[in-house]
Amino acid sequence: MDGLKLFFLEDPEFADHEAISKGYRNDVFVNVSKNLYNVRVYDIVRLQQDFETEVQEYGYYSIETNLILVKEVSNEHSSIQ
């Protein structure tokens, strides 16, 4: 995919450490063909925790828009090939 670029709003070092410990990151933007999308990046552990909590509290799970599931939420794993 030509023209695909990632942007992060937060300081890369601090946000990367915080994102790994929390299992999600919501300050990620992807530019695709001159369109900018705010994506939610989650690891499977965090997604499962959120799912179980919401199902228990509300009886259903409403998934985030533009959710991307990754092995680990870190800048190291953020390159798009």
C-alpha atoms as a PDB file:
ATOM      1  CA  MET A   1       0.000   0.000   0.000  1.00  0.00           C
ATOM      2  CA  ASP A   2       1.679   3.139  -1.162  1.00  0.00           C
ATOM      3  CA  GLY A   3       1.092   6.326   0.768  1.00  0.00           C
ATOM      4  CA  LEU A   4       0.289   4.650   4.078  1.00  0.00           C
ATOM      5  CA  LYS A   5       1.770   6.555   7.048  1.00  0.00           C
ATOM      6  CA  LEU A   6       1.447   6.352  10.832  1.00  0.00           C
ATOM      7  CA  PHE A   7       1.373   9.323  13.208  1.00  0.00           C
ATOM      8  CA  PHE A   8       1.411   9.405  17.009  1.00  0.00           C
ATOM      9  CA  LEU A   9       0.165  12.363  19.068  1.00  0.00           C
ATOM     10  CA  GLU A  10       2.017  11.499  22.266  1.00  0.00           C
ATOM     11  CA  ASP A  11       5.755  11.465  22.974  1.00  0.00           C
ATOM     12  CA  PRO A  12       6.953   8.187  21.406  1.00  0.00           C
ATOM     13  CA  GLU A  13       9.124   6.974  24.299  1.00  0.00           C
ATOM     14  CA  PHE A  14       6.719   7.725  27.135  1.00  0.00           C
ATOM     15  CA  ALA A  15       3.605   6.704  25.216  1.00  0.00           C
ATOM     16  CA  ASP A  16       5.230   3.490  24.024  1.00  0.00           C
ATOM     17  CA  HIS A  17       6.033   2.385  27.593  1.00  0.00           C
ATOM     18  CA  GLU A  18       2.564   3.363  28.791  1.00  0.00           C
ATOM     19  CA  ALA A  19       0.855   1.644  25.849  1.00  0.00           C
ATOM     20  CA  ILE A  20       2.682  -1.626  26.484  1.00  0.00           C
ATOM     21  CA  SER A  21       1.586  -1.642  30.134  1.00  0.00           C
ATOM     22  CA  LYS A  22      -2.021  -0.644  29.369  1.00  0.00           C
ATOM     23  CA  GLY A  23      -2.420  -2.817  26.264  1.00  0.00           C
ATOM     24  CA  TYR A  24      -3.940  -0.101  24.135  1.00  0.00           C
ATOM     25  CA  ARG A  25      -3.177   3.150  22.412  1.00  0.00           C
ATOM     26  CA  ASN A  26      -5.667   5.695  21.069  1.00  0.00           C
ATOM     27  CA  ASP A  27      -3.340   8.448  19.855  1.00  0.00           C
ATOM     28  CA  VAL A  28      -2.523   6.707  16.572  1.00  0.00           C
ATOM     29  CA  PHE A  29      -3.504   8.159  13.216  1.00  0.00           C
ATOM     30  CA  VAL A  30      -3.139   6.503   9.834  1.00  0.00           C
ATOM     31  CA  ASN A  31      -2.948   8.496   6.630  1.00  0.00           C
ATOM     32  CA  VAL A  32      -4.279   6.462   3.708  1.00  0.00           C
ATOM     33  CA  SER A  33      -4.604   8.077   0.288  1.00  0.00           C
ATOM     34  CA  LYS A  34      -4.865  11.575   1.799  1.00  0.00           C
ATOM     35  CA  ASN A  35      -7.481  10.451   4.349  1.00  0.00           C
ATOM     36  CA  LEU A  36      -6.621  10.589   8.050  1.00  0.00           C
ATOM     37  CA  TYR A  37      -8.093   7.975  10.413  1.00  0.00           C
ATOM     38  CA  ASN A  38      -7.812   7.832  14.197  1.00  0.00           C
ATOM     39  CA  VAL A  39      -7.367   4.155  15.057  1.00  0.00           C
ATOM     40  CA  ARG A  40      -7.540   2.293  18.355  1.00  0.00           C
ATOM     41  CA  VAL A  41      -4.696  -0.172  18.796  1.00  0.00           C
ATOM     42  CA  TYR A  42      -5.287  -3.005  21.281  1.00  0.00           C
ATOM     43  CA  ASP A  43      -3.520  -6.181  22.273  1.00  0.00           C
ATOM     44  CA  ILE A  44      -5.617  -9.326  22.780  1.00  0.00           C
ATOM     45  CA  VAL A  45      -5.282  -9.303  26.572  1.00  0.00           C
ATOM     46  CA  ARG A  46      -6.716  -5.774  26.889  1.00  0.00           C
ATOM     47  CA  LEU A  47      -9.472  -6.518  24.401  1.00  0.00           C
ATOM     48  CA  GLN A  48     -10.495  -9.596  26.376  1.00  0.00           C
ATOM     49  CA  GLN A  49     -10.474  -7.621  29.657  1.00  0.00           C
ATOM     50  CA  ASP A  50     -12.640  -4.878  28.169  1.00  0.00           C
ATOM     51  CA  PHE A  51     -14.976  -7.458  26.627  1.00  0.00           C
ATOM     52  CA  GLU A  52     -15.472  -9.342  29.901  1.00  0.00           C
ATOM     53  CA  THR A  53     -15.961  -6.152  31.936  1.00  0.00           C
ATOM     54  CA  GLU A  54     -18.546  -4.667  29.570  1.00  0.00           C
ATOM     55  CA  VAL A  55     -20.471  -7.926  29.189  1.00  0.00           C
ATOM     56  CA  GLN A  56     -20.608  -8.275  32.973  1.00  0.00           C
ATOM     57  CA  GLU A  57     -21.662  -4.648  33.536  1.00  0.00           C
ATOM     58  CA  TYR A  58     -23.909  -4.013  30.521  1.00  0.00           C
ATOM     59  CA  GLY A  59     -24.719  -7.432  29.080  1.00  0.00           C
ATOM     60  CA  TYR A  60     -23.049  -6.695  25.737  1.00  0.00           C
ATOM     61  CA  TYR A  61     -19.793  -5.467  24.235  1.00  0.00           C
ATOM     62  CA  SER A  62     -19.649  -2.528  21.870  1.00  0.00           C
ATOM     63  CA  ILE A  63     -16.429  -2.638  19.873  1.00  0.00           C
ATOM     64  CA  GLU A  64     -14.390   0.514  19.273  1.00  0.00           C
ATOM     65  CA  THR A  65     -14.504   1.963  15.777  1.00  0.00           C
ATOM     66  CA  ASN A  66     -11.306   1.622  13.742  1.00  0.00           C
ATOM     67  CA  LEU A  67      -9.938  -1.020  16.107  1.00  0.00           C
ATOM     68  CA  ILE A  68      -6.668  -2.708  15.176  1.00  0.00           C
ATOM     69  CA  LEU A  69      -5.614  -5.804  17.090  1.00  0.00           C
ATOM     70  CA  VAL A  70      -1.845  -6.335  17.453  1.00  0.00           C
ATOM     71  CA  LYS A  71       0.478  -8.780  19.188  1.00  0.00           C
ATOM     72  CA  GLU A  72       1.959  -6.004  21.350  1.00  0.00           C
ATOM     73  CA  VAL A  73       1.110  -2.304  21.511  1.00  0.00           C
ATOM     74  CA  SER A  74       4.524  -0.760  20.917  1.00  0.00           C
ATOM     75  CA  ASN A  75       6.293   1.416  18.376  1.00  0.00           C
ATOM     76  CA  GLU A  76       8.478  -1.571  17.548  1.00  0.00           C
ATOM     77  CA  HIS A  77       5.430  -3.350  16.166  1.00  0.00           C
ATOM     78  CA  SER A  78       3.969  -0.309  14.433  1.00  0.00           C
ATOM     79  CA  SER A  79       5.669  -0.539  11.061  1.00  0.00           C
ATOM     80  CA  ILE A  80       3.276  -1.223   8.216  1.00  0.00           C
ATOM     81  CA  GLN A  81       4.657  -3.312   5.407  1.00  0.00           C
END
